[in-house]
Amino acid sequence: MIKVFFKSNDREDLVATFEREDALQSVLPLLKASAEELGFELIQRDEEQEWEAECEFKQACDLGIYDDYLERSGYYD
């Protein structure tokens, strides 16, 4: 899944999600124009990039693996 965000200085807003790259490419020019018109930067992320960003944010990756469910269940305690 590919997610598209409009980014400003202090926030990112999810504006679209796509299952296929070709679907994204068909509307990408319109999304870019809309972002520019509104004064935003267009950001694209796929699921792997989302996971990596989450790991970096939480700084809780162990050998590249982070399982929030196991943490919440007390498995690591």
C-alpha atoms as a PDB file:
ATOM      1  CA  MET A   1       0.000   0.000   0.000  1.00  0.00           C
ATOM      2  CA  ILE A   2       1.266   3.456  -0.890  1.00  0.00           C
ATOM      3  CA  LYS A   3       0.219   6.443   1.193  1.00  0.00           C
ATOM      4  CA  VAL A   4       0.349  10.037  -0.007  1.00  0.00           C
ATOM      5  CA  PHE A   5       0.647  12.929   2.442  1.00  0.00           C
ATOM      6  CA  PHE A   6       0.605  16.695   2.179  1.00  0.00           C
ATOM      7  CA  LYS A   7       3.349  18.030   4.437  1.00  0.00           C
ATOM      8  CA  SER A   8       3.707  21.492   5.940  1.00  0.00           C
ATOM      9  CA  ASN A   9       6.276  22.740   8.430  1.00  0.00           C
ATOM     10  CA  ASP A  10       4.711  21.095  11.462  1.00  0.00           C
ATOM     11  CA  ARG A  11       2.409  18.334  10.226  1.00  0.00           C
ATOM     12  CA  GLU A  12       1.606  15.711   7.639  1.00  0.00           C
ATOM     13  CA  ASP A  13      -1.931  14.970   6.478  1.00  0.00           C
ATOM     14  CA  LEU A  14      -2.814  11.698   4.761  1.00  0.00           C
ATOM     15  CA  VAL A  15      -4.655  12.545   1.534  1.00  0.00           C
ATOM     16  CA  ALA A  16      -4.757   9.242  -0.373  1.00  0.00           C
ATOM     17  CA  THR A  17      -3.867   5.555  -0.267  1.00  0.00           C
ATOM     18  CA  PHE A  18      -3.199   3.296  -3.240  1.00  0.00           C
ATOM     19  CA  GLU A  19      -2.911  -0.462  -3.581  1.00  0.00           C
ATOM     20  CA  ARG A  20      -1.138  -0.271  -6.959  1.00  0.00           C
ATOM     21  CA  GLU A  21       1.652   1.931  -8.270  1.00  0.00           C
ATOM     22  CA  ASP A  22      -0.123   2.438 -11.622  1.00  0.00           C
ATOM     23  CA  ALA A  23      -3.175   3.875  -9.854  1.00  0.00           C
ATOM     24  CA  LEU A  24      -0.962   6.367  -8.033  1.00  0.00           C
ATOM     25  CA  GLN A  25       0.854   7.340 -11.214  1.00  0.00           C
ATOM     26  CA  SER A  26      -2.436   8.096 -12.964  1.00  0.00           C
ATOM     27  CA  VAL A  27      -3.356  10.824 -10.444  1.00  0.00           C
ATOM     28  CA  LEU A  28       0.085  11.912  -9.266  1.00  0.00           C
ATOM     29  CA  PRO A  29       0.212  15.068 -11.444  1.00  0.00           C
ATOM     30  CA  LEU A  30      -3.117  16.221  -9.971  1.00  0.00           C
ATOM     31  CA  LEU A  31      -1.958  15.508  -6.416  1.00  0.00           C
ATOM     32  CA  LYS A  32       1.312  17.389  -6.990  1.00  0.00           C
ATOM     33  CA  ALA A  33      -0.539  20.385  -8.436  1.00  0.00           C
ATOM     34  CA  SER A  34      -2.981  20.413  -5.520  1.00  0.00           C
ATOM     35  CA  ALA A  35      -0.191  20.236  -2.955  1.00  0.00           C
ATOM     36  CA  GLU A  36       1.704  23.058  -4.641  1.00  0.00           C
ATOM     37  CA  GLU A  37      -1.418  25.210  -4.906  1.00  0.00           C
ATOM     38  CA  LEU A  38      -2.080  24.781  -1.183  1.00  0.00           C
ATOM     39  CA  GLY A  39       1.540  25.388  -0.199  1.00  0.00           C
ATOM     40  CA  PHE A  40       2.321  21.817   0.846  1.00  0.00           C
ATOM     41  CA  GLU A  41       5.031  19.330  -0.050  1.00  0.00           C
ATOM     42  CA  LEU A  42       3.854  15.982  -1.459  1.00  0.00           C
ATOM     43  CA  ILE A  43       5.243  12.921   0.364  1.00  0.00           C
ATOM     44  CA  GLN A  44       4.813   9.295  -0.720  1.00  0.00           C
ATOM     45  CA  ARG A  45       5.470   6.303   1.545  1.00  0.00           C
ATOM     46  CA  ASP A  46       4.948   2.609   1.112  1.00  0.00           C
ATOM     47  CA  GLU A  47       4.234   0.225   3.994  1.00  0.00           C
ATOM     48  CA  GLU A  48       7.913  -0.616   4.506  1.00  0.00           C
ATOM     49  CA  GLN A  49       8.842   3.052   4.755  1.00  0.00           C
ATOM     50  CA  GLU A  50       6.010   3.583   7.249  1.00  0.00           C
ATOM     51  CA  TRP A  51       7.316   0.727   9.379  1.00  0.00           C
ATOM     52  CA  GLU A  52      10.881   2.070   9.249  1.00  0.00           C
ATOM     53  CA  ALA A  53       9.722   5.565  10.213  1.00  0.00           C
ATOM     54  CA  GLU A  54       7.739   4.137  13.131  1.00  0.00           C
ATOM     55  CA  CYS A  55      10.764   2.176  14.344  1.00  0.00           C
ATOM     56  CA  GLU A  56      13.021   5.202  14.112  1.00  0.00           C
ATOM     57  CA  PHE A  57      10.456   7.310  15.950  1.00  0.00           C
ATOM     58  CA  LYS A  58      10.054   4.831  18.766  1.00  0.00           C
ATOM     59  CA  GLN A  59      13.769   3.952  18.757  1.00  0.00           C
ATOM     60  CA  ALA A  60      12.815   0.494  19.912  1.00  0.00           C
ATOM     61  CA  CYS A  61      14.029  -1.654  17.027  1.00  0.00           C
ATOM     62  CA  ASP A  62      16.024  -4.715  17.898  1.00  0.00           C
ATOM     63  CA  LEU A  63      17.851  -6.063  14.824  1.00  0.00           C
ATOM     64  CA  GLY A  64      15.246  -4.372  12.638  1.00  0.00           C
ATOM     65  CA  ILE A  65      12.326  -6.127  14.314  1.00  0.00           C
ATOM     66  CA  TYR A  66       9.704  -4.329  16.354  1.00  0.00           C
ATOM     67  CA  ASP A  67       6.489  -5.980  17.394  1.00  0.00           C
ATOM     68  CA  ASP A  68       4.159  -3.574  19.163  1.00  0.00           C
ATOM     69  CA  TYR A  69       1.717  -6.371  19.991  1.00  0.00           C
ATOM     70  CA  LEU A  70       4.350  -8.342  21.886  1.00  0.00           C
ATOM     71  CA  GLU A  71       5.419  -5.229  23.758  1.00  0.00           C
ATOM     72  CA  ARG A  72       1.853  -4.387  24.745  1.00  0.00           C
ATOM     73  CA  SER A  73       1.157  -7.967  25.815  1.00  0.00           C
ATOM     74  CA  GLY A  74       4.044  -7.874  28.288  1.00  0.00           C
ATOM     75  CA  TYR A  75       6.034 -10.479  26.358  1.00  0.00           C
ATOM     76  CA  TYR A  76       9.284  -8.503  26.779  1.00  0.00           C
ATOM     77  CA  ASP A  77       8.826  -8.007  30.545  1.00  0.00           C
END
